[in-house]
Amino acid sequence: MKPTPVSWFVLVIEVVVVLMTTFGIVSVTYNTRTQFSELERLRSQYQLLLEDWGRLILEESAFSSPSRVERVAREELGMVLPDNANTVEIE
């Protein structure tokens, strides 16, 4: 039995479809791996940012404690509590 032109055409179409599917799978696999790598990098960066945030929160609480504010006001700014002679009562 001799192959007809239609059967050759069908065979060529099938080969093209198989090749396109193969290249599609390779492309999707590559993109998936690339995106997963980017996701892991971003998760790592997120962890570092969370650690920095925690340190900044601790630092903020240390700098804003009332005892530190009072100490800085007295020592660095030379502030004192006013005495009775320096206060005025407003009605």
PDB file of N, CA and C in Angstrom:
ATOM      1  N   MET A   1       0.827  -1.167   0.000  1.00  0.00           N
ATOM      2  CA  MET A   1       0.000   0.000   0.000  1.00  0.00           C
ATOM      3  C   MET A   1       0.885   1.249   0.000  1.00  0.00           C
ATOM      4  N   LYS A   2       0.591   2.131  -0.899  1.00  0.00           N
ATOM      5  CA  LYS A   2       1.375   3.346  -1.079  1.00  0.00           C
ATOM      6  C   LYS A   2       0.758   4.472  -0.242  1.00  0.00           C
ATOM      7  N   PRO A   3       1.628   5.249   0.518  1.00  0.00           N
ATOM      8  CA  PRO A   3       1.064   6.352   1.310  1.00  0.00           C
ATOM      9  C   PRO A   3       0.517   7.446   0.409  1.00  0.00           C
ATOM     10  N   THR A   4      -0.610   7.944   0.793  1.00  0.00           N
ATOM     11  CA  THR A   4      -1.249   9.012   0.018  1.00  0.00           C
ATOM     12  C   THR A   4      -0.762  10.368   0.529  1.00  0.00           C
ATOM     13  N   PRO A   5      -0.927  11.412  -0.268  1.00  0.00           N
ATOM     14  CA  PRO A   5      -0.525  12.744   0.172  1.00  0.00           C
ATOM     15  C   PRO A   5      -1.264  13.184   1.427  1.00  0.00           C
ATOM     16  N   VAL A   6      -2.500  12.748   1.600  1.00  0.00           N
ATOM     17  CA  VAL A   6      -3.267  13.115   2.801  1.00  0.00           C
ATOM     18  C   VAL A   6      -2.641  12.495   4.041  1.00  0.00           C
ATOM     19  N   SER A   7      -2.203  11.238   3.963  1.00  0.00           N
ATOM     20  CA  SER A   7      -1.588  10.595   5.120  1.00  0.00           C
ATOM     21  C   SER A   7      -0.251  11.257   5.467  1.00  0.00           C
ATOM     22  N   TRP A   8       0.507  11.706   4.434  1.00  0.00           N
ATOM     23  CA  TRP A   8       1.753  12.439   4.713  1.00  0.00           C
ATOM     24  C   TRP A   8       1.446  13.767   5.401  1.00  0.00           C
ATOM     25  N   PHE A   9       0.425  14.422   4.949  1.00  0.00           N
ATOM     26  CA  PHE A   9       0.024  15.701   5.541  1.00  0.00           C
ATOM     27  C   PHE A   9      -0.381  15.503   7.004  1.00  0.00           C
ATOM     28  N   VAL A  10      -1.150  14.466   7.279  1.00  0.00           N
ATOM     29  CA  VAL A  10      -1.564  14.165   8.657  1.00  0.00           C
ATOM     30  C   VAL A  10      -0.338  13.844   9.503  1.00  0.00           C
ATOM     31  N   LEU A  11       0.593  13.087   8.964  1.00  0.00           N
ATOM     32  CA  LEU A  11       1.812  12.746   9.696  1.00  0.00           C
ATOM     33  C   LEU A  11       2.622  14.003  10.022  1.00  0.00           C
ATOM     34  N   VAL A  12       2.764  14.895   9.053  1.00  0.00           N
ATOM     35  CA  VAL A  12       3.507  16.139   9.275  1.00  0.00           C
ATOM     36  C   VAL A  12       2.809  16.982  10.345  1.00  0.00           C
ATOM     37  N   ILE A  13       1.506  17.096  10.298  1.00  0.00           N
ATOM     38  CA  ILE A  13       0.744  17.843  11.298  1.00  0.00           C
ATOM     39  C   ILE A  13       0.957  17.230  12.683  1.00  0.00           C
ATOM     40  N   GLU A  14       0.896  15.921  12.779  1.00  0.00           N
ATOM     41  CA  GLU A  14       1.105  15.242  14.065  1.00  0.00           C
ATOM     42  C   GLU A  14       2.506  15.511  14.612  1.00  0.00           C
ATOM     43  N   VAL A  15       3.514  15.445  13.743  1.00  0.00           N
ATOM     44  CA  VAL A  15       4.892  15.722  14.171  1.00  0.00           C
ATOM     45  C   VAL A  15       5.014  17.163  14.651  1.00  0.00           C
ATOM     46  N   VAL A  16       4.433  18.097  13.931  1.00  0.00           N
ATOM     47  CA  VAL A  16       4.477  19.507  14.326  1.00  0.00           C
ATOM     48  C   VAL A  16       3.800  19.699  15.679  1.00  0.00           C
ATOM     49  N   VAL A  17       2.639  19.079  15.867  1.00  0.00           N
ATOM     50  CA  VAL A  17       1.922  19.200  17.141  1.00  0.00           C
ATOM     51  C   VAL A  17       2.747  18.614  18.284  1.00  0.00           C
ATOM     52  N   VAL A  18       3.374  17.476  18.062  1.00  0.00           N
ATOM     53  CA  VAL A  18       4.208  16.858  19.095  1.00  0.00           C
ATOM     54  C   VAL A  18       5.399  17.766  19.432  1.00  0.00           C
ATOM     55  N   LEU A  19       6.049  18.319  18.404  1.00  0.00           N
ATOM     56  CA  LEU A  19       7.191  19.214  18.649  1.00  0.00           C
ATOM     57  C   LEU A  19       6.754  20.479  19.386  1.00  0.00           C
ATOM     58  N   MET A  20       5.618  21.041  18.990  1.00  0.00           N
ATOM     59  CA  MET A  20       5.124  22.245  19.673  1.00  0.00           C
ATOM     60  C   MET A  20       4.806  21.939  21.137  1.00  0.00           C
ATOM     61  N   THR A  21       4.204  20.797  21.385  1.00  0.00           N
ATOM     62  CA  THR A  21       3.898  20.395  22.754  1.00  0.00           C
ATOM     63  C   THR A  21       5.173  20.214  23.562  1.00  0.00           C
ATOM     64  N   THR A  22       6.169  19.590  22.953  1.00  0.00           N
ATOM     65  CA  THR A  22       7.447  19.379  23.641  1.00  0.00           C
ATOM     66  C   THR A  22       8.103  20.710  23.993  1.00  0.00           C
ATOM     67  N   PHE A  23       8.170  21.632  23.028  1.00  0.00           N
ATOM     68  CA  PHE A  23       8.763  22.939  23.310  1.00  0.00           C
ATOM     69  C   PHE A  23       7.933  23.708  24.337  1.00  0.00           C
ATOM     70  N   GLY A  24       6.628  23.542  24.304  1.00  0.00           N
ATOM     71  CA  GLY A  24       5.763  24.180  25.290  1.00  0.00           C
ATOM     72  C   GLY A  24       6.045  23.672  26.695  1.00  0.00           C
ATOM     73  N   ILE A  25       6.214  22.371  26.823  1.00  0.00           N
ATOM     74  CA  ILE A  25       6.514  21.774  28.137  1.00  0.00           C
ATOM     75  C   ILE A  25       7.857  22.275  28.646  1.00  0.00           C
ATOM     76  N   VAL A  26       8.851  22.318  27.782  1.00  0.00           N
ATOM     77  CA  VAL A  26      10.178  22.811  28.178  1.00  0.00           C
ATOM     78  C   VAL A  26      10.089  24.267  28.615  1.00  0.00           C
ATOM     79  N   SER A  27       9.357  25.070  27.872  1.00  0.00           N
ATOM     80  CA  SER A  27       9.211  26.493  28.186  1.00  0.00           C
ATOM     81  C   SER A  27       8.505  26.685  29.523  1.00  0.00           C
ATOM     82  N   VAL A  28       7.426  25.961  29.743  1.00  0.00           N
ATOM     83  CA  VAL A  28       6.683  26.082  31.001  1.00  0.00           C
ATOM     84  C   VAL A  28       7.544  25.612  32.169  1.00  0.00           C
ATOM     85  N   THR A  29       8.281  24.544  31.989  1.00  0.00           N
ATOM     86  CA  THR A  29       9.160  24.046  33.061  1.00  0.00           C
ATOM     87  C   THR A  29      10.226  25.078  33.401  1.00  0.00           C
ATOM     88  N   TYR A  30      10.823  25.681  32.386  1.00  0.00           N
ATOM     89  CA  TYR A  30      11.841  26.711  32.614  1.00  0.00           C
ATOM     90  C   TYR A  30      11.246  27.909  33.354  1.00  0.00           C
ATOM     91  N   ASN A  31      10.083  28.377  32.894  1.00  0.00           N
ATOM     92  CA  ASN A  31       9.435  29.518  33.552  1.00  0.00           C
ATOM     93  C   ASN A  31       9.062  29.200  34.989  1.00  0.00           C
ATOM     94  N   THR A  32       8.590  27.992  35.237  1.00  0.00           N
ATOM     95  CA  THR A  32       8.225  27.585  36.595  1.00  0.00           C
ATOM     96  C   THR A  32       9.448  27.606  37.509  1.00  0.00           C
ATOM     97  N   ARG A  33      10.547  27.070  37.030  1.00  0.00           N
ATOM     98  CA  ARG A  33      11.771  27.054  37.843  1.00  0.00           C
ATOM     99  C   ARG A  33      12.295  28.468  38.089  1.00  0.00           C
ATOM    100  N   THR A  34      12.225  29.304  37.072  1.00  0.00           N
ATOM    101  CA  THR A  34      12.666  30.696  37.218  1.00  0.00           C
ATOM    102  C   THR A  34      11.806  31.429  38.239  1.00  0.00           C
ATOM    103  N   GLN A  35      10.507  31.259  38.141  1.00  0.00           N
ATOM    104  CA  GLN A  35       9.604  31.934  39.068  1.00  0.00           C
ATOM    105  C   GLN A  35       9.743  31.390  40.480  1.00  0.00           C
ATOM    106  N   PHE A  36       9.977  30.089  40.621  1.00  0.00           N
ATOM    107  CA  PHE A  36      10.181  29.514  41.947  1.00  0.00           C
ATOM    108  C   PHE A  36      11.459  30.062  42.571  1.00  0.00           C
ATOM    109  N   SER A  37      12.493  30.194  41.756  1.00  0.00           N
ATOM    110  CA  SER A  37      13.743  30.772  42.241  1.00  0.00           C
ATOM    111  C   SER A  37      13.528  32.205  42.717  1.00  0.00           C
ATOM    112  N   GLU A  38      12.768  32.979  41.957  1.00  0.00           N
ATOM    113  CA  GLU A  38      12.452  34.360  42.336  1.00  0.00           C
ATOM    114  C   GLU A  38      11.620  34.397  43.616  1.00  0.00           C
ATOM    115  N   LEU A  39      10.687  33.468  43.741  1.00  0.00           N
ATOM    116  CA  LEU A  39       9.865  33.379  44.957  1.00  0.00           C
ATOM    117  C   LEU A  39      10.731  33.106  46.178  1.00  0.00           C
ATOM    118  N   GLU A  40      11.664  32.193  46.069  1.00  0.00           N
ATOM    119  CA  GLU A  40      12.555  31.880  47.194  1.00  0.00           C
ATOM    120  C   GLU A  40      13.434  33.077  47.544  1.00  0.00           C
ATOM    121  N   ARG A  41      13.898  33.809  46.535  1.00  0.00           N
ATOM    122  CA  ARG A  41      14.699  35.003  46.788  1.00  0.00           C
ATOM    123  C   ARG A  41      13.872  36.054  47.520  1.00  0.00           C
ATOM    124  N   LEU A  42      12.637  36.218  47.102  1.00  0.00           N
ATOM    125  CA  LEU A  42      11.763  37.197  47.748  1.00  0.00           C
ATOM    126  C   LEU A  42      11.394  36.774  49.170  1.00  0.00           C
ATOM    127  N   ARG A  43      11.209  35.479  49.391  1.00  0.00           N
ATOM    128  CA  ARG A  43      10.941  34.999  50.759  1.00  0.00           C
ATOM    129  C   ARG A  43      12.130  35.279  51.666  1.00  0.00           C
ATOM    130  N   SER A  44      13.306  35.079  51.144  1.00  0.00           N
ATOM    131  CA  SER A  44      14.527  35.354  51.900  1.00  0.00           C
ATOM    132  C   SER A  44      14.615  36.845  52.240  1.00  0.00           C
ATOM    133  N   GLN A  45      14.340  37.675  51.251  1.00  0.00           N
ATOM    134  CA  GLN A  45      14.365  39.126  51.473  1.00  0.00           C
ATOM    135  C   GLN A  45      13.287  39.531  52.479  1.00  0.00           C
ATOM    136  N   TYR A  46      12.130  38.906  52.414  1.00  0.00           N
ATOM    137  CA  TYR A  46      11.047  39.180  53.354  1.00  0.00           C
ATOM    138  C   TYR A  46      11.478  38.857  54.785  1.00  0.00           C
ATOM    139  N   GLN A  47      12.155  37.726  54.958  1.00  0.00           N
ATOM    140  CA  GLN A  47      12.648  37.348  56.289  1.00  0.00           C
ATOM    141  C   GLN A  47      13.605  38.398  56.833  1.00  0.00           C
ATOM    142  N   LEU A  48      14.534  38.855  55.985  1.00  0.00           N
ATOM    143  CA  LEU A  48      15.485  39.883  56.411  1.00  0.00           C
ATOM    144  C   LEU A  48      14.773  41.174  56.776  1.00  0.00           C
ATOM    145  N   LEU A  49      13.762  41.542  55.999  1.00  0.00           N
ATOM    146  CA  LEU A  49      13.010  42.758  56.299  1.00  0.00           C
ATOM    147  C   LEU A  49      12.226  42.619  57.602  1.00  0.00           C
ATOM    148  N   LEU A  50      11.698  41.436  57.870  1.00  0.00           N
ATOM    149  CA  LEU A  50      11.000  41.211  59.144  1.00  0.00           C
ATOM    150  C   LEU A  50      11.959  41.351  60.321  1.00  0.00           C
ATOM    151  N   GLU A  51      13.160  40.835  60.170  1.00  0.00           N
ATOM    152  CA  GLU A  51      14.150  40.961  61.237  1.00  0.00           C
ATOM    153  C   GLU A  51      14.518  42.430  61.457  1.00  0.00           C
ATOM    154  N   ASP A  52      14.722  43.164  60.375  1.00  0.00           N
ATOM    155  CA  ASP A  52      15.011  44.600  60.487  1.00  0.00           C
ATOM    156  C   ASP A  52      13.859  45.333  61.166  1.00  0.00           C
ATOM    157  N   TRP A  53      12.638  44.996  60.790  1.00  0.00           N
ATOM    158  CA  TRP A  53      11.460  45.625  61.380  1.00  0.00           C
ATOM    159  C   TRP A  53      11.425  45.375  62.894  1.00  0.00           C
ATOM    160  N   GLY A  54      11.693  44.158  63.289  1.00  0.00           N
ATOM    161  CA  GLY A  54      11.720  43.831  64.723  1.00  0.00           C
ATOM    162  C   GLY A  54      12.769  44.641  65.463  1.00  0.00           C
ATOM    163  N   ARG A  55      13.957  44.765  64.863  1.00  0.00           N
ATOM    164  CA  ARG A  55      15.016  45.561  65.495  1.00  0.00           C
ATOM    165  C   ARG A  55      14.611  47.030  65.591  1.00  0.00           C
ATOM    166  N   LEU A  56      13.977  47.537  64.551  1.00  0.00           N
ATOM    167  CA  LEU A  56      13.551  48.941  64.564  1.00  0.00           C
ATOM    168  C   LEU A  56      12.461  49.184  65.608  1.00  0.00           C
ATOM    169  N   ILE A  57      11.561  48.251  65.780  1.00  0.00           N
ATOM    170  CA  ILE A  57      10.521  48.392  66.803  1.00  0.00           C
ATOM    171  C   ILE A  57      11.152  48.427  68.187  1.00  0.00           C
ATOM    172  N   LEU A  58      12.118  47.543  68.420  1.00  0.00           N
ATOM    173  CA  LEU A  58      12.814  47.551  69.717  1.00  0.00           C
ATOM    174  C   LEU A  58      13.560  48.861  69.932  1.00  0.00           C
ATOM    175  N   GLU A  59      14.224  49.323  68.895  1.00  0.00           N
ATOM    176  CA  GLU A  59      14.976  50.572  68.989  1.00  0.00           C
ATOM    177  C   GLU A  59      14.035  51.750  69.251  1.00  0.00           C
ATOM    178  N   GLU A  60      12.905  51.756  68.576  1.00  0.00           N
ATOM    179  CA  GLU A  60      11.935  52.831  68.791  1.00  0.00           C
ATOM    180  C   GLU A  60      11.420  52.832  70.224  1.00  0.00           C
ATOM    181  N   SER A  61      11.123  51.662  70.752  1.00  0.00           N
ATOM    182  CA  SER A  61      10.618  51.606  72.123  1.00  0.00           C
ATOM    183  C   SER A  61      11.693  52.036  73.120  1.00  0.00           C
ATOM    184  N   ALA A  62      12.946  51.719  72.822  1.00  0.00           N
ATOM    185  CA  ALA A  62      14.031  52.142  73.716  1.00  0.00           C
ATOM    186  C   ALA A  62      14.218  53.658  73.662  1.00  0.00           C
ATOM    187  N   PHE A  63      14.146  54.254  72.463  1.00  0.00           N
ATOM    188  CA  PHE A  63      14.351  55.694  72.324  1.00  0.00           C
ATOM    189  C   PHE A  63      13.170  56.510  72.834  1.00  0.00           C
ATOM    190  N   SER A  64      11.985  55.925  72.855  1.00  0.00           N
ATOM    191  CA  SER A  64      10.817  56.695  73.259  1.00  0.00           C
ATOM    192  C   SER A  64      10.388  56.432  74.691  1.00  0.00           C
ATOM    193  N   SER A  65      11.195  55.697  75.450  1.00  0.00           N
ATOM    194  CA  SER A  65      10.824  55.450  76.845  1.00  0.00           C
ATOM    195  C   SER A  65      10.874  56.766  77.620  1.00  0.00           C
ATOM    196  N   PRO A  66       9.928  56.970  78.522  1.00  0.00           N
ATOM    197  CA  PRO A  66       9.873  58.228  79.264  1.00  0.00           C
ATOM    198  C   PRO A  66      11.169  58.559  80.015  1.00  0.00           C
ATOM    199  N   SER A  67      11.824  57.561  80.574  1.00  0.00           N
ATOM    200  CA  SER A  67      13.055  57.839  81.315  1.00  0.00           C
ATOM    201  C   SER A  67      14.152  58.353  80.372  1.00  0.00           C
ATOM    202  N   ARG A  68      14.243  57.803  79.180  1.00  0.00           N
ATOM    203  CA  ARG A  68      15.255  58.280  78.226  1.00  0.00           C
ATOM    204  C   ARG A  68      14.933  59.689  77.754  1.00  0.00           C
ATOM    205  N   VAL A  69      13.655  59.956  77.476  1.00  0.00           N
ATOM    206  CA  VAL A  69      13.260  61.291  77.028  1.00  0.00           C
ATOM    207  C   VAL A  69      13.602  62.321  78.105  1.00  0.00           C
ATOM    208  N   GLU A  70      13.321  61.977  79.353  1.00  0.00           N
ATOM    209  CA  GLU A  70      13.633  62.909  80.451  1.00  0.00           C
ATOM    210  C   GLU A  70      15.142  63.114  80.575  1.00  0.00           C
ATOM    211  N   ARG A  71      15.908  62.053  80.473  1.00  0.00           N
ATOM    212  CA  ARG A  71      17.357  62.158  80.581  1.00  0.00           C
ATOM    213  C   ARG A  71      17.932  63.022  79.460  1.00  0.00           C
ATOM    214  N   VAL A  72      17.481  62.818  78.240  1.00  0.00           N
ATOM    215  CA  VAL A  72      17.964  63.617  77.113  1.00  0.00           C
ATOM    216  C   VAL A  72      17.571  65.076  77.311  1.00  0.00           C
ATOM    217  N   ALA A  73      16.348  65.321  77.788  1.00  0.00           N
ATOM    218  CA  ALA A  73      15.894  66.694  78.012  1.00  0.00           C
ATOM    219  C   ALA A  73      16.774  67.393  79.040  1.00  0.00           C
ATOM    220  N   ARG A  74      17.132  66.688  80.087  1.00  0.00           N
ATOM    221  CA  ARG A  74      17.963  67.298  81.132  1.00  0.00           C
ATOM    222  C   ARG A  74      19.419  67.458  80.699  1.00  0.00           C
ATOM    223  N   GLU A  75      20.015  66.365  80.198  1.00  0.00           N
ATOM    224  CA  GLU A  75      21.453  66.367  79.923  1.00  0.00           C
ATOM    225  C   GLU A  75      21.822  67.073  78.621  1.00  0.00           C
ATOM    226  N   GLU A  76      21.127  66.774  77.554  1.00  0.00           N
ATOM    227  CA  GLU A  76      21.531  67.297  76.253  1.00  0.00           C
ATOM    228  C   GLU A  76      20.883  68.634  75.911  1.00  0.00           C
ATOM    229  N   LEU A  77      19.668  68.850  76.396  1.00  0.00           N
ATOM    230  CA  LEU A  77      18.966  70.081  76.062  1.00  0.00           C
ATOM    231  C   LEU A  77      18.966  71.108  77.197  1.00  0.00           C
ATOM    232  N   GLY A  78      19.439  70.673  78.360  1.00  0.00           N
ATOM    233  CA  GLY A  78      19.514  71.585  79.503  1.00  0.00           C
ATOM    234  C   GLY A  78      18.150  72.006  80.031  1.00  0.00           C
ATOM    235  N   MET A  79      17.158  71.182  79.868  1.00  0.00           N
ATOM    236  CA  MET A  79      15.809  71.524  80.331  1.00  0.00           C
ATOM    237  C   MET A  79      15.662  71.168  81.799  1.00  0.00           C
ATOM    238  N   VAL A  80      14.871  71.969  82.513  1.00  0.00           N
ATOM    239  CA  VAL A  80      14.579  71.720  83.931  1.00  0.00           C
ATOM    240  C   VAL A  80      13.092  71.926  84.157  1.00  0.00           C
ATOM    241  N   LEU A  81      12.608  71.362  85.233  1.00  0.00           N
ATOM    242  CA  LEU A  81      11.213  71.599  85.608  1.00  0.00           C
ATOM    243  C   LEU A  81      11.098  73.032  86.118  1.00  0.00           C
ATOM    244  N   PRO A  82      10.063  73.774  85.738  1.00  0.00           N
ATOM    245  CA  PRO A  82       9.933  75.161  86.203  1.00  0.00           C
ATOM    246  C   PRO A  82       9.562  75.194  87.689  1.00  0.00           C
ATOM    247  N   ASP A  83      10.076  76.196  88.389  1.00  0.00           N
ATOM    248  CA  ASP A  83       9.701  76.345  89.789  1.00  0.00           C
ATOM    249  C   ASP A  83       8.483  77.269  89.868  1.00  0.00           C
ATOM    250  N   ASN A  84       8.021  77.531  91.062  1.00  0.00           N
ATOM    251  CA  ASN A  84       6.814  78.328  91.251  1.00  0.00           C
ATOM    252  C   ASN A  84       6.971  79.754  90.732  1.00  0.00           C
ATOM    253  N   ALA A  85       8.193  80.276  90.777  1.00  0.00           N
ATOM    254  CA  ALA A  85       8.418  81.650  90.310  1.00  0.00           C
ATOM    255  C   ALA A  85       8.268  81.756  88.796  1.00  0.00           C
ATOM    256  N   ASN A  86       8.445  80.649  88.088  1.00  0.00           N
ATOM    257  CA  ASN A  86       8.378  80.665  86.624  1.00  0.00           C
ATOM    258  C   ASN A  86       7.054  80.164  86.077  1.00  0.00           C
ATOM    259  N   THR A  87       6.089  79.947  86.939  1.00  0.00           N
ATOM    260  CA  THR A  87       4.795  79.459  86.474  1.00  0.00           C
ATOM    261  C   THR A  87       3.739  80.528  86.644  1.00  0.00           C
ATOM    262  N   VAL A  88       2.811  80.566  85.724  1.00  0.00           N
ATOM    263  CA  VAL A  88       1.704  81.520  85.768  1.00  0.00           C
ATOM    264  C   VAL A  88       0.409  80.749  85.643  1.00  0.00           C
ATOM    265  N   GLU A  89      -0.537  81.068  86.500  1.00  0.00           N
ATOM    266  CA  GLU A  89      -1.829  80.402  86.470  1.00  0.00           C
ATOM    267  C   GLU A  89      -2.785  81.243  85.639  1.00  0.00           C
ATOM    268  N   ILE A  90      -3.439  80.631  84.682  1.00  0.00           N
ATOM    269  CA  ILE A  90      -4.369  81.334  83.778  1.00  0.00           C
ATOM    270  C   ILE A  90      -5.783  80.899  84.129  1.00  0.00           C
ATOM    271  N   GLU A  91      -6.658  81.898  84.250  1.00  0.00           N
ATOM    272  CA  GLU A  91      -8.051  81.566  84.581  1.00  0.00           C
ATOM    273  C   GLU A  91      -8.910  81.530  83.370  1.00  0.00           C
TER     274      GLU A  91
END
